[in-house]
Amino acid sequence: MNNPVIIKGNKYGIVVVLDNEMEYESLREKIAEKFRESAKFFDKAQMALSFEGRKLTTEQQRDILNIIAEETKLHVVCVIEDDPKMEEKFKKSLDEKLMELSNTTGQFYKGNLRSGQVLESETSIIVIGDINPGARIVSKGNIIVLGALKGSVFAGASGNTNSFVVALDMNPVQIRIADTIARSPDKPDKSTGRETKIAFLEDGNIYIEPLSKEVINDINL
C-alpha cells in the first residue's frame, strides 16, 4: 500500500483507512505524521471517526486516539465500528453528540444551507453538509465544507489573509478571503470529477488546488 494511512471525509465525519500488513509500531508513526500534516485543517472541530482496512484492538484504538489528540486539536466525539451502514451510524451518533455540544460550541454546523440562508461564525467553522447556490458562509477563520460547496463563502472576514477554504466538492459561486474575491468560471471544469480542493490567498490572488501534502506545506498558514 503506497499510502499506509489515508484520511477520507464523508457527510458526518472522517474515515481513517489503515494498511493491514504494516507492523503496528511503524503504522502508528505514519498515523502521527498524517495527522500532524492535517492538523491545521481540522482545527478544533468535533467529528465522528471510523477505521477501515485493519482490525484494531481496543488498546490500539485508544492509542490512535491519543496520537490524534497529541498531534491535532481535533476532538473525536465518537468512534464508529466498520460496517456497511457506517454512514447511517455516523449520522445517528453525531446527532446525539451535536445535541450535547450545541450550547457550548459554534465551531461546526450540521445540515445543508439553502438559497438565501447565511451562516456567520466568529471562529473557523466546519460545515457537515452542502452549501447550495444562493447560500453564504462568513467566517473570521477558516471554512471547511464536508460536502459540496456551490454557494458563496467569505473566510478571514476579520482581515486574516492566512485563512483558507476546503471542500470535498469545490464549485462555489464566489470565494472571498480577507479583501480578495474570486468567482467561479461560467463553465466549471468537470473533467476531474469530485475532488477535495483548497482555496488560499497568495500574492494577492486566490488559488484553488487539489488538497495534497505539497499544497499544505507550501501555504503560509
C-alpha atoms as a PDB file:
ATOM      1  CA  MET A   1       0.000   0.000   0.000  1.00  0.00           C
ATOM      2  CA  ASN A   2       1.647   3.204  -1.164  1.00  0.00           C
ATOM      3  CA  ASN A   3      -0.185   5.280   1.424  1.00  0.00           C
ATOM      4  CA  PRO A   4      -0.428   3.270   4.666  1.00  0.00           C
ATOM      5  CA  VAL A   5      -2.688   5.934   6.187  1.00  0.00           C
ATOM      6  CA  ILE A   6      -5.474   7.662   4.257  1.00  0.00           C
ATOM      7  CA  ILE A   7      -7.922  10.157   5.761  1.00  0.00           C
ATOM      8  CA  LYS A   8     -11.270  10.442   3.988  1.00  0.00           C
ATOM      9  CA  GLY A   9     -14.283  12.569   4.784  1.00  0.00           C
ATOM     10  CA  ASN A  10     -17.969  11.890   4.452  1.00  0.00           C
ATOM     11  CA  LYS A  11     -21.013  13.945   5.417  1.00  0.00           C
ATOM     12  CA  TYR A  12     -20.769  13.080   9.079  1.00  0.00           C
ATOM     13  CA  GLY A  13     -17.101  12.649   9.978  1.00  0.00           C
ATOM     14  CA  ILE A  14     -13.779  11.176   8.896  1.00  0.00           C
ATOM     15  CA  VAL A  15     -12.675   7.670   7.954  1.00  0.00           C
ATOM     16  CA  VAL A  16      -9.080   6.587   8.607  1.00  0.00           C
ATOM     17  CA  VAL A  17      -8.017   3.838   6.187  1.00  0.00           C
ATOM     18  CA  LEU A  18      -5.078   1.826   7.538  1.00  0.00           C
ATOM     19  CA  ASP A  19      -2.667  -0.622   5.891  1.00  0.00           C
ATOM     20  CA  ASN A  20      -3.422  -4.183   7.006  1.00  0.00           C
ATOM     21  CA  GLU A  21       0.116  -5.540   6.605  1.00  0.00           C
ATOM     22  CA  MET A  22       2.431  -2.926   8.128  1.00  0.00           C
ATOM     23  CA  GLU A  23       3.628  -3.615  11.673  1.00  0.00           C
ATOM     24  CA  TYR A  24       1.614  -1.583  14.141  1.00  0.00           C
ATOM     25  CA  GLU A  25       4.606   0.277  15.603  1.00  0.00           C
ATOM     26  CA  SER A  26       5.566   1.504  12.136  1.00  0.00           C
ATOM     27  CA  LEU A  27       1.948   2.246  11.278  1.00  0.00           C
ATOM     28  CA  ARG A  28       1.406   4.407  14.377  1.00  0.00           C
ATOM     29  CA  GLU A  29       4.337   6.603  13.263  1.00  0.00           C
ATOM     30  CA  LYS A  30       2.645   7.054   9.878  1.00  0.00           C
ATOM     31  CA  ILE A  31      -0.627   7.908  11.618  1.00  0.00           C
ATOM     32  CA  ALA A  32       1.095  10.572  13.715  1.00  0.00           C
ATOM     33  CA  GLU A  33       2.746  12.021  10.601  1.00  0.00           C
ATOM     34  CA  LYS A  34      -0.518  12.118   8.630  1.00  0.00           C
ATOM     35  CA  PHE A  35      -2.494  13.877  11.365  1.00  0.00           C
ATOM     36  CA  ARG A  36       0.387  16.244  12.082  1.00  0.00           C
ATOM     37  CA  GLU A  37       0.287  17.348   8.430  1.00  0.00           C
ATOM     38  CA  SER A  38      -3.503  17.804   8.539  1.00  0.00           C
ATOM     39  CA  ALA A  39      -3.788  19.417  11.986  1.00  0.00           C
ATOM     40  CA  LYS A  40      -4.375  22.973  10.751  1.00  0.00           C
ATOM     41  CA  PHE A  41      -7.234  21.907   8.522  1.00  0.00           C
ATOM     42  CA  PHE A  42      -9.143  20.144  11.282  1.00  0.00           C
ATOM     43  CA  ASP A  43      -8.529  22.999  13.729  1.00  0.00           C
ATOM     44  CA  LYS A  44     -10.733  22.436  16.822  1.00  0.00           C
ATOM     45  CA  ALA A  45     -13.512  20.530  15.087  1.00  0.00           C
ATOM     46  CA  GLN A  46     -15.695  17.919  16.778  1.00  0.00           C
ATOM     47  CA  MET A  47     -16.183  14.932  14.493  1.00  0.00           C
ATOM     48  CA  ALA A  48     -17.102  11.247  14.400  1.00  0.00           C
ATOM     49  CA  LEU A  49     -14.346   8.825  13.346  1.00  0.00           C
ATOM     50  CA  SER A  50     -14.171   5.329  11.887  1.00  0.00           C
ATOM     51  CA  PHE A  51     -11.341   2.964  10.958  1.00  0.00           C
ATOM     52  CA  GLU A  52     -11.183   0.878   7.791  1.00  0.00           C
ATOM     53  CA  GLY A  53      -8.761  -1.629   6.279  1.00  0.00           C
ATOM     54  CA  ARG A  54      -7.438  -3.105   9.508  1.00  0.00           C
ATOM     55  CA  LYS A  55      -8.909  -4.762  12.586  1.00  0.00           C
ATOM     56  CA  LEU A  56      -7.745  -2.840  15.644  1.00  0.00           C
ATOM     57  CA  THR A  57      -7.793  -3.904  19.255  1.00  0.00           C
ATOM     58  CA  THR A  58      -9.418  -1.641  21.817  1.00  0.00           C
ATOM     59  CA  GLU A  59      -5.940  -0.727  23.089  1.00  0.00           C
ATOM     60  CA  GLN A  60      -4.780   0.190  19.575  1.00  0.00           C
ATOM     61  CA  GLN A  61      -7.849   2.356  19.015  1.00  0.00           C
ATOM     62  CA  ARG A  62      -7.168   4.188  22.267  1.00  0.00           C
ATOM     63  CA  ASP A  63      -3.532   4.588  21.295  1.00  0.00           C
ATOM     64  CA  ILE A  64      -4.504   6.119  17.935  1.00  0.00           C
ATOM     65  CA  LEU A  65      -6.972   8.477  19.614  1.00  0.00           C
ATOM     66  CA  ASN A  66      -4.165   9.592  21.927  1.00  0.00           C
ATOM     67  CA  ILE A  67      -1.946  10.191  18.881  1.00  0.00           C
ATOM     68  CA  ILE A  68      -4.672  12.305  17.250  1.00  0.00           C
ATOM     69  CA  ALA A  69      -5.057  14.293  20.474  1.00  0.00           C
ATOM     70  CA  GLU A  70      -1.305  14.895  20.654  1.00  0.00           C
ATOM     71  CA  GLU A  71      -0.895  15.925  17.013  1.00  0.00           C
ATOM     72  CA  THR A  72      -4.105  17.927  16.482  1.00  0.00           C
ATOM     73  CA  LYS A  73      -6.806  19.906  18.272  1.00  0.00           C
ATOM     74  CA  LEU A  74      -9.439  17.696  16.678  1.00  0.00           C
ATOM     75  CA  HIS A  75     -11.982  16.381  19.176  1.00  0.00           C
ATOM     76  CA  VAL A  76     -13.233  12.890  18.295  1.00  0.00           C
ATOM     77  CA  VAL A  77     -16.774  12.777  19.652  1.00  0.00           C
ATOM     78  CA  CYS A  78     -17.295   9.085  18.875  1.00  0.00           C
ATOM     79  CA  VAL A  79     -15.685   6.105  17.130  1.00  0.00           C
ATOM     80  CA  ILE A  80     -17.893   4.097  14.782  1.00  0.00           C
ATOM     81  CA  GLU A  81     -17.149   0.451  14.071  1.00  0.00           C
ATOM     82  CA  ASP A  82     -16.608  -0.539  10.425  1.00  0.00           C
ATOM     83  CA  ASP A  83     -19.992  -1.506   8.989  1.00  0.00           C
ATOM     84  CA  PRO A  84     -21.766  -1.467   5.595  1.00  0.00           C
ATOM     85  CA  LYS A  85     -24.226   1.033   7.074  1.00  0.00           C
ATOM     86  CA  MET A  86     -21.465   3.118   8.656  1.00  0.00           C
ATOM     87  CA  GLU A  87     -22.648   6.469   7.281  1.00  0.00           C
ATOM     88  CA  GLU A  88     -26.062   5.974   8.874  1.00  0.00           C
ATOM     89  CA  LYS A  89     -24.386   5.214  12.195  1.00  0.00           C
ATOM     90  CA  PHE A  90     -22.219   8.300  11.745  1.00  0.00           C
ATOM     91  CA  LYS A  91     -25.376  10.368  11.424  1.00  0.00           C
ATOM     92  CA  LYS A  92     -27.102   8.898  14.458  1.00  0.00           C
ATOM     93  CA  SER A  93     -24.050   9.144  16.716  1.00  0.00           C
ATOM     94  CA  LEU A  94     -23.132  12.616  15.561  1.00  0.00           C
ATOM     95  CA  ASP A  95     -26.702  13.855  16.001  1.00  0.00           C
ATOM     96  CA  GLU A  96     -26.583  12.798  19.640  1.00  0.00           C
ATOM     97  CA  LYS A  97     -23.225  14.458  20.264  1.00  0.00           C
ATOM     98  CA  LEU A  98     -24.179  17.642  18.460  1.00  0.00           C
ATOM     99  CA  MET A  99     -27.182  17.987  20.737  1.00  0.00           C
ATOM    100  CA  GLU A 100     -24.839  17.788  23.739  1.00  0.00           C
ATOM    101  CA  LEU A 101     -22.358  20.262  22.274  1.00  0.00           C
ATOM    102  CA  SER A 102     -24.757  22.740  20.676  1.00  0.00           C
ATOM    103  CA  ASN A 103     -24.828  25.034  23.707  1.00  0.00           C
ATOM    104  CA  THR A 104     -21.048  25.216  24.112  1.00  0.00           C
ATOM    105  CA  THR A 105     -19.544  25.467  20.623  1.00  0.00           C
ATOM    106  CA  GLY A 106     -20.045  27.411  17.419  1.00  0.00           C
ATOM    107  CA  GLN A 107     -17.273  25.693  15.510  1.00  0.00           C
ATOM    108  CA  PHE A 108     -19.399  23.483  13.287  1.00  0.00           C
ATOM    109  CA  TYR A 109     -22.765  23.418  11.552  1.00  0.00           C
ATOM    110  CA  LYS A 110     -24.634  20.282  10.573  1.00  0.00           C
ATOM    111  CA  GLY A 111     -27.067  20.481   7.675  1.00  0.00           C
ATOM    112  CA  ASN A 112     -27.411  21.816   4.156  1.00  0.00           C
ATOM    113  CA  LEU A 113     -27.637  25.571   3.528  1.00  0.00           C
ATOM    114  CA  ARG A 114     -30.336  26.516   1.039  1.00  0.00           C
ATOM    115  CA  SER A 115     -30.569  29.572  -1.171  1.00  0.00           C
ATOM    116  CA  GLY A 116     -30.987  32.735   0.878  1.00  0.00           C
ATOM    117  CA  GLN A 117     -29.511  31.273   4.074  1.00  0.00           C
ATOM    118  CA  VAL A 118     -26.450  32.940   5.642  1.00  0.00           C
ATOM    119  CA  LEU A 119     -24.203  31.309   8.247  1.00  0.00           C
ATOM    120  CA  GLU A 120     -21.784  33.509  10.201  1.00  0.00           C
ATOM    121  CA  SER A 121     -19.067  32.432  12.650  1.00  0.00           C
ATOM    122  CA  GLU A 122     -16.596  34.238  14.871  1.00  0.00           C
ATOM    123  CA  THR A 123     -14.204  31.260  14.546  1.00  0.00           C
ATOM    124  CA  SER A 124     -13.169  28.701  11.962  1.00  0.00           C
ATOM    125  CA  ILE A 125     -16.107  26.516  11.026  1.00  0.00           C
ATOM    126  CA  ILE A 126     -16.701  23.042   9.649  1.00  0.00           C
ATOM    127  CA  VAL A 127     -19.968  22.541   7.800  1.00  0.00           C
ATOM    128  CA  ILE A 128     -21.242  18.974   7.699  1.00  0.00           C
ATOM    129  CA  GLY A 129     -23.425  19.254   4.618  1.00  0.00           C
ATOM    130  CA  ASP A 130     -23.791  21.064   1.298  1.00  0.00           C
ATOM    131  CA  ILE A 131     -23.726  24.798   0.580  1.00  0.00           C
ATOM    132  CA  ASN A 132     -26.239  25.270  -2.213  1.00  0.00           C
ATOM    133  CA  PRO A 133     -26.284  28.119  -4.768  1.00  0.00           C
ATOM    134  CA  GLY A 134     -27.579  31.303  -3.176  1.00  0.00           C
ATOM    135  CA  ALA A 135     -26.389  30.327   0.315  1.00  0.00           C
ATOM    136  CA  ARG A 136     -23.472  32.098   2.010  1.00  0.00           C
ATOM    137  CA  ILE A 137     -20.967  31.463   4.816  1.00  0.00           C
ATOM    138  CA  VAL A 138     -18.975  34.188   6.558  1.00  0.00           C
ATOM    139  CA  SER A 139     -16.191  33.230   8.972  1.00  0.00           C
ATOM    140  CA  LYS A 140     -13.395  35.158  10.666  1.00  0.00           C
ATOM    141  CA  GLY A 141     -11.293  31.994  10.399  1.00  0.00           C
ATOM    142  CA  ASN A 142     -11.171  29.058   8.002  1.00  0.00           C
ATOM    143  CA  ILE A 143     -14.106  27.315   6.330  1.00  0.00           C
ATOM    144  CA  ILE A 144     -14.193  23.550   5.770  1.00  0.00           C
ATOM    145  CA  VAL A 145     -17.145  22.024   3.944  1.00  0.00           C
ATOM    146  CA  LEU A 146     -17.650  18.280   4.293  1.00  0.00           C
ATOM    147  CA  GLY A 147     -19.917  18.248   1.277  1.00  0.00           C
ATOM    148  CA  ALA A 148     -20.494  20.257  -1.898  1.00  0.00           C
ATOM    149  CA  LEU A 149     -19.675  23.967  -1.937  1.00  0.00           C
ATOM    150  CA  LYS A 150     -21.864  25.601  -4.591  1.00  0.00           C
ATOM    151  CA  GLY A 151     -22.745  28.866  -2.860  1.00  0.00           C
ATOM    152  CA  SER A 152     -20.562  31.757  -1.647  1.00  0.00           C
ATOM    153  CA  VAL A 153     -18.003  31.792   1.161  1.00  0.00           C
ATOM    154  CA  PHE A 154     -16.083  34.546   2.921  1.00  0.00           C
ATOM    155  CA  ALA A 155     -13.136  33.339   5.012  1.00  0.00           C
ATOM    156  CA  GLY A 156     -10.847  35.607   7.012  1.00  0.00           C
ATOM    157  CA  ALA A 157     -13.643  38.136   7.431  1.00  0.00           C
ATOM    158  CA  SER A 158     -11.591  39.924  10.094  1.00  0.00           C
ATOM    159  CA  GLY A 159      -8.806  40.503   7.550  1.00  0.00           C
ATOM    160  CA  ASN A 160      -6.835  37.287   8.140  1.00  0.00           C
ATOM    161  CA  THR A 161      -5.056  36.652   4.841  1.00  0.00           C
ATOM    162  CA  ASN A 162      -3.861  33.218   6.032  1.00  0.00           C
ATOM    163  CA  SER A 163      -7.423  31.874   6.130  1.00  0.00           C
ATOM    164  CA  PHE A 164      -8.426  29.158   3.679  1.00  0.00           C
ATOM    165  CA  VAL A 165     -11.443  27.244   2.363  1.00  0.00           C
ATOM    166  CA  VAL A 166     -11.569  23.455   1.914  1.00  0.00           C
ATOM    167  CA  ALA A 167     -14.427  21.495   0.321  1.00  0.00           C
ATOM    168  CA  LEU A 168     -14.948  17.881  -0.677  1.00  0.00           C
ATOM    169  CA  ASP A 169     -16.645  19.161  -3.843  1.00  0.00           C
ATOM    170  CA  MET A 170     -15.454  22.683  -4.727  1.00  0.00           C
ATOM    171  CA  ASN A 171     -17.664  24.579  -7.173  1.00  0.00           C
ATOM    172  CA  PRO A 172     -18.518  27.897  -5.475  1.00  0.00           C
ATOM    173  CA  VAL A 173     -20.245  30.895  -6.992  1.00  0.00           C
ATOM    174  CA  GLN A 174     -17.803  33.164  -5.159  1.00  0.00           C
ATOM    175  CA  ILE A 175     -14.911  32.825  -2.730  1.00  0.00           C
ATOM    176  CA  ARG A 176     -13.616  35.738  -0.697  1.00  0.00           C
ATOM    177  CA  ILE A 177     -10.579  35.570   1.561  1.00  0.00           C
ATOM    178  CA  ALA A 178      -9.885  38.772   3.532  1.00  0.00           C
ATOM    179  CA  ASP A 179     -10.184  41.551   0.904  1.00  0.00           C
ATOM    180  CA  THR A 180      -9.659  39.379  -2.193  1.00  0.00           C
ATOM    181  CA  ILE A 181     -12.562  37.988  -4.215  1.00  0.00           C
ATOM    182  CA  ALA A 182     -12.592  35.200  -6.797  1.00  0.00           C
ATOM    183  CA  ARG A 183     -15.518  33.998  -8.869  1.00  0.00           C
ATOM    184  CA  SER A 184     -16.067  30.625 -10.496  1.00  0.00           C
ATOM    185  CA  PRO A 185     -15.812  30.405 -14.286  1.00  0.00           C
ATOM    186  CA  ASP A 186     -19.065  30.348 -16.255  1.00  0.00           C
ATOM    187  CA  LYS A 187     -18.345  26.741 -17.263  1.00  0.00           C
ATOM    188  CA  PRO A 188     -16.734  24.857 -14.357  1.00  0.00           C
ATOM    189  CA  ASP A 189     -14.134  22.232 -15.198  1.00  0.00           C
ATOM    190  CA  LYS A 190     -15.774  18.846 -14.631  1.00  0.00           C
ATOM    191  CA  SER A 191     -13.005  16.749 -16.139  1.00  0.00           C
ATOM    192  CA  THR A 192     -11.539  15.680 -12.788  1.00  0.00           C
ATOM    193  CA  GLY A 193     -14.879  14.895 -11.121  1.00  0.00           C
ATOM    194  CA  ARG A 194     -15.422  15.407  -7.440  1.00  0.00           C
ATOM    195  CA  GLU A 195     -12.147  16.126  -5.661  1.00  0.00           C
ATOM    196  CA  THR A 196     -11.245  17.678  -2.341  1.00  0.00           C
ATOM    197  CA  LYS A 197      -9.760  21.119  -3.005  1.00  0.00           C
ATOM    198  CA  ILE A 198      -8.414  24.051  -1.043  1.00  0.00           C
ATOM    199  CA  ALA A 199      -8.677  27.766  -1.793  1.00  0.00           C
ATOM    200  CA  PHE A 200      -5.995  30.013  -0.331  1.00  0.00           C
ATOM    201  CA  LEU A 201      -4.603  33.503  -0.760  1.00  0.00           C
ATOM    202  CA  GLU A 202      -1.109  34.071  -2.098  1.00  0.00           C
ATOM    203  CA  ASP A 203       0.456  37.232  -3.534  1.00  0.00           C
ATOM    204  CA  GLY A 204      -2.934  38.931  -3.700  1.00  0.00           C
ATOM    205  CA  ASN A 205      -4.592  36.120  -5.660  1.00  0.00           C
ATOM    206  CA  ILE A 206      -6.884  33.279  -4.636  1.00  0.00           C
ATOM    207  CA  TYR A 207      -5.748  29.869  -5.837  1.00  0.00           C
ATOM    208  CA  ILE A 208      -7.895  26.716  -5.858  1.00  0.00           C
ATOM    209  CA  GLU A 209      -5.910  23.478  -5.973  1.00  0.00           C
ATOM    210  CA  PRO A 210      -6.383  19.790  -5.127  1.00  0.00           C
ATOM    211  CA  LEU A 211      -5.649  19.194  -1.453  1.00  0.00           C
ATOM    212  CA  SER A 212      -2.270  17.474  -1.075  1.00  0.00           C
ATOM    213  CA  LYS A 213       0.695  17.327   1.252  1.00  0.00           C
ATOM    214  CA  GLU A 214       2.689  19.573  -1.064  1.00  0.00           C
ATOM    215  CA  VAL A 215      -0.006  22.256  -1.106  1.00  0.00           C
ATOM    216  CA  ILE A 216      -0.312  22.081   2.678  1.00  0.00           C
ATOM    217  CA  ASN A 217       3.436  22.596   3.077  1.00  0.00           C
ATOM    218  CA  ASP A 218       3.520  25.481   0.609  1.00  0.00           C
ATOM    219  CA  ILE A 219       0.714  27.501   2.174  1.00  0.00           C
ATOM    220  CA  ASN A 220       1.723  30.167   4.647  1.00  0.00           C
ATOM    221  CA  LEU A 221      -0.697  29.120   7.384  1.00  0.00           C
END
